[in-house]
Amino acid sequence: MNQFINSKKHQQGFTLIEMLITIAVAAILLSIVVPSFNSIIESSKERTTRDSLASAIYTAKQQAQSERLNVYLCTTTDGVSCEDTTDWSGEWLIYQDDNSSGDLDSGDTIVANISSKTNLITSSIEEVKFTPTGHSLANTFKICSNTDNKVVYQMVLSRMGRITYEEASGDC
């Protein structure tokens, strides 16, 4: 009987009060960390959108130069036709204008269908045309935040087909 009494004195573990204090400290730390983590995720989505658009632009430019044909980059909802919109959110289509008609039709080759469904992207034009030399019309794309609808990146496409980034400002 003496053995049972002595063994209870040497048991180790957490008391209820210690456990409650540990849970409270963990909850406080999580409430500080989670909002910061959401900001990191949103920033990553914005960079991914920017990089996807830049990749699509450079792919279209490279295709125009290598095939020595006009190549277009436009928005699409069905993957086989271009949309008449300046909202570049969603999917993009790169096509090679094989018959030099200036429009996507049955005689043209679809080079790529690219999906980017993360952030709002606006522009003043409905499509980007690259000539066989890699030149295009100058244009600006505004990539917007999903949280506060502010412009986070302003991507400028030069006539030479080069991309630069300007200071982002304003609303979308």
Protein backbone atom coordinates (compact mmCIF):
# COMPACT_ATOMS: atom_id res chain seq x y z
CA MET A 1 0.00 0.00 0.00
CA ASN A 2 2.90 2.33 0.74
CA GLN A 3 4.16 1.87 -2.84
CA PHE A 4 0.98 3.36 -4.34
CA ILE A 5 1.15 6.47 -2.18
CA ASN A 6 4.79 7.13 -3.02
CA SER A 7 4.30 6.56 -6.78
CA LYS A 8 1.58 9.21 -6.96
CA LYS A 9 3.98 11.83 -5.65
CA HIS A 10 6.37 11.22 -8.58
CA GLN A 11 3.84 11.40 -11.43
CA GLN A 12 4.50 14.14 -13.95
CA GLY A 13 2.16 16.00 -16.30
CA PHE A 14 0.38 19.29 -16.89
CA THR A 15 -2.15 20.74 -14.55
CA LEU A 16 -5.35 22.20 -15.93
CA ILE A 17 -4.11 25.74 -15.26
CA GLU A 18 -0.84 25.13 -17.12
CA MET A 19 -2.73 23.72 -20.09
CA LEU A 20 -5.12 26.71 -20.20
CA ILE A 21 -2.22 29.18 -20.08
CA THR A 22 -0.46 27.34 -22.93
CA ILE A 23 -3.62 27.40 -25.08
CA ALA A 24 -4.15 31.12 -24.37
CA VAL A 25 -0.56 31.97 -25.37
CA ALA A 26 -0.89 29.89 -28.56
CA ALA A 27 -4.16 31.66 -29.44
CA ILE A 28 -2.58 35.08 -28.96
CA LEU A 29 0.39 34.14 -31.15
CA LEU A 30 -1.88 32.77 -33.89
CA SER A 31 -4.00 35.92 -33.88
CA ILE A 32 -0.83 37.92 -34.57
CA VAL A 33 0.64 35.59 -37.22
CA VAL A 34 -2.42 34.70 -39.34
CA PRO A 35 -3.15 38.20 -40.73
CA SER A 36 0.51 38.58 -41.72
CA PHE A 37 0.40 35.21 -43.44
CA ASN A 38 -2.69 36.25 -45.44
CA SER A 39 -0.80 39.33 -46.62
CA ILE A 40 2.09 37.15 -47.78
CA ILE A 41 -0.29 34.86 -49.70
CA GLU A 42 -1.98 37.83 -51.42
CA SER A 43 1.37 39.34 -52.37
CA SER A 44 2.44 36.01 -53.84
CA LYS A 45 -0.76 35.80 -55.92
CA GLU A 46 -0.15 39.31 -57.28
CA ARG A 47 3.42 38.45 -58.30
CA THR A 48 2.22 35.21 -59.89
CA THR A 49 -0.34 37.12 -61.96
CA ARG A 50 2.29 39.64 -63.05
CA ASP A 51 4.77 36.94 -63.98
CA SER A 52 2.16 34.89 -65.87
CA LEU A 53 1.20 37.88 -68.00
CA ALA A 54 4.86 38.72 -68.68
CA SER A 55 5.46 35.10 -69.69
CA ALA A 56 2.48 35.14 -72.06
CA ILE A 57 3.70 38.39 -73.64
CA TYR A 58 7.21 37.05 -74.16
CA THR A 59 5.86 33.76 -75.54
CA ALA A 60 3.78 35.63 -78.12
CA LYS A 61 6.74 37.84 -79.05
CA GLN A 62 9.08 34.87 -79.43
CA GLN A 63 6.51 33.01 -81.55
CA ALA A 64 6.13 35.99 -83.89
CA GLN A 65 9.89 36.27 -84.34
CA SER A 66 10.52 32.56 -84.84
CA GLU A 67 7.62 31.97 -87.28
CA ARG A 68 7.97 35.37 -88.98
CA LEU A 69 4.22 35.92 -88.74
CA ASN A 70 1.91 38.22 -86.79
CA VAL A 71 1.05 36.69 -83.44
CA TYR A 72 -1.71 37.94 -81.15
CA LEU A 73 -2.31 37.75 -77.42
CA CYS A 74 -5.93 38.25 -76.36
CA THR A 75 -8.42 37.37 -73.62
CA THR A 76 -10.68 34.37 -74.01
CA THR A 77 -13.45 32.60 -72.14
CA ASP A 78 -13.73 29.47 -74.28
CA GLY A 79 -10.13 28.89 -75.37
CA VAL A 80 -10.91 29.14 -79.10
CA SER A 81 -11.95 32.75 -79.67
CA CYS A 82 -10.91 36.23 -78.54
CA GLU A 83 -13.13 38.44 -76.41
CA ASP A 84 -13.77 42.13 -77.06
CA THR A 85 -12.86 43.33 -73.58
CA THR A 86 -10.15 45.30 -71.82
CA ASP A 87 -10.49 43.12 -68.71
CA TRP A 88 -7.50 40.78 -68.90
CA SER A 89 -8.49 38.68 -65.87
CA GLY A 90 -8.98 35.00 -66.54
CA GLU A 91 -7.68 33.20 -69.60
CA TRP A 92 -5.45 34.38 -72.42
CA LEU A 93 -5.05 33.02 -75.91
CA ILE A 94 -1.96 33.25 -78.10
CA TYR A 95 -2.58 32.62 -81.78
CA GLN A 96 -0.54 32.79 -84.92
CA ASP A 97 -2.22 34.62 -87.81
CA ASP A 98 -1.28 32.12 -90.52
CA ASN A 99 -3.53 33.60 -93.20
CA SER A 100 -2.80 37.28 -92.36
CA SER A 101 -6.48 38.08 -91.85
CA GLY A 102 -5.92 40.05 -88.64
CA ASP A 103 -8.55 37.99 -86.82
CA LEU A 104 -8.64 34.55 -85.23
CA ASP A 105 -10.30 32.21 -87.72
CA SER A 106 -10.13 28.60 -88.88
CA GLY A 107 -6.91 29.21 -90.84
CA ASP A 108 -4.93 30.25 -87.76
CA THR A 109 -2.90 28.25 -85.25
CA ILE A 110 -3.62 28.50 -81.52
CA VAL A 111 -0.20 28.52 -79.87
CA ALA A 112 -1.22 28.56 -76.21
CA ASN A 113 -4.19 28.93 -73.89
CA ILE A 114 -3.05 30.32 -70.54
CA SER A 115 -5.15 30.56 -67.40
CA SER A 116 -4.53 33.19 -64.74
CA LYS A 117 -7.49 33.46 -62.40
CA THR A 118 -5.96 35.27 -59.48
CA ASN A 119 -6.17 39.05 -59.81
CA LEU A 120 -7.97 41.71 -61.82
CA ILE A 121 -5.94 42.98 -64.79
CA THR A 122 -7.04 45.99 -66.84
CA SER A 123 -5.69 47.48 -70.03
CA SER A 124 -6.72 50.01 -72.65
CA ILE A 125 -6.57 47.48 -75.51
CA GLU A 126 -8.35 44.23 -76.29
CA GLU A 127 -5.39 42.38 -77.81
CA VAL A 128 -1.65 42.66 -78.28
CA LYS A 129 -0.27 42.15 -81.79
CA PHE A 130 3.36 41.21 -82.32
CA THR A 131 4.86 41.67 -85.77
CA PRO A 132 7.49 39.28 -87.20
CA THR A 133 10.17 41.63 -85.85
CA GLY A 134 8.77 41.36 -82.29
CA HIS A 135 7.36 44.89 -82.24
CA SER A 136 3.96 45.71 -80.76
CA LEU A 137 1.83 48.70 -79.88
CA ALA A 138 2.79 50.29 -76.59
CA ASN A 139 0.38 49.44 -73.80
CA THR A 140 0.01 49.45 -70.02
CA PHE A 141 -1.47 46.63 -67.95
CA LYS A 142 -2.65 47.34 -64.41
CA ILE A 143 -2.65 44.42 -61.99
CA CYS A 144 -4.95 45.01 -59.05
CA SER A 145 -5.17 43.76 -55.49
CA ASN A 146 -8.07 41.49 -54.59
CA THR A 147 -8.27 42.97 -51.10
CA ASP A 148 -8.57 46.73 -51.64
CA ASN A 149 -8.95 47.12 -55.45
CA LYS A 150 -5.76 49.21 -55.69
CA VAL A 151 -3.20 48.92 -58.50
CA VAL A 152 -0.24 46.89 -57.21
CA TYR A 153 1.74 46.50 -60.44
CA GLN A 154 1.78 48.61 -63.56
CA MET A 155 3.33 46.66 -66.43
CA VAL A 156 4.33 48.73 -69.48
CA LEU A 157 4.81 47.04 -72.84
CA SER A 158 6.99 49.12 -75.16
CA ARG A 159 6.80 49.23 -78.95
CA MET A 160 9.93 47.07 -79.00
CA GLY A 161 8.02 44.38 -77.10
CA ARG A 162 9.89 44.93 -73.85
CA ILE A 163 8.27 44.99 -70.42
CA THR A 164 9.07 47.51 -67.72
CA TYR A 165 7.35 48.16 -64.42
CA GLU A 166 6.27 51.59 -63.28
CA GLU A 167 5.19 52.77 -59.87
CA ALA A 168 1.70 51.52 -59.23
CA SER A 169 -0.92 53.98 -58.03
CA GLY A 170 -4.64 54.56 -58.07
CA ASP A 171 -7.70 52.36 -58.14
CA CYS A 172 -8.70 49.76 -60.68
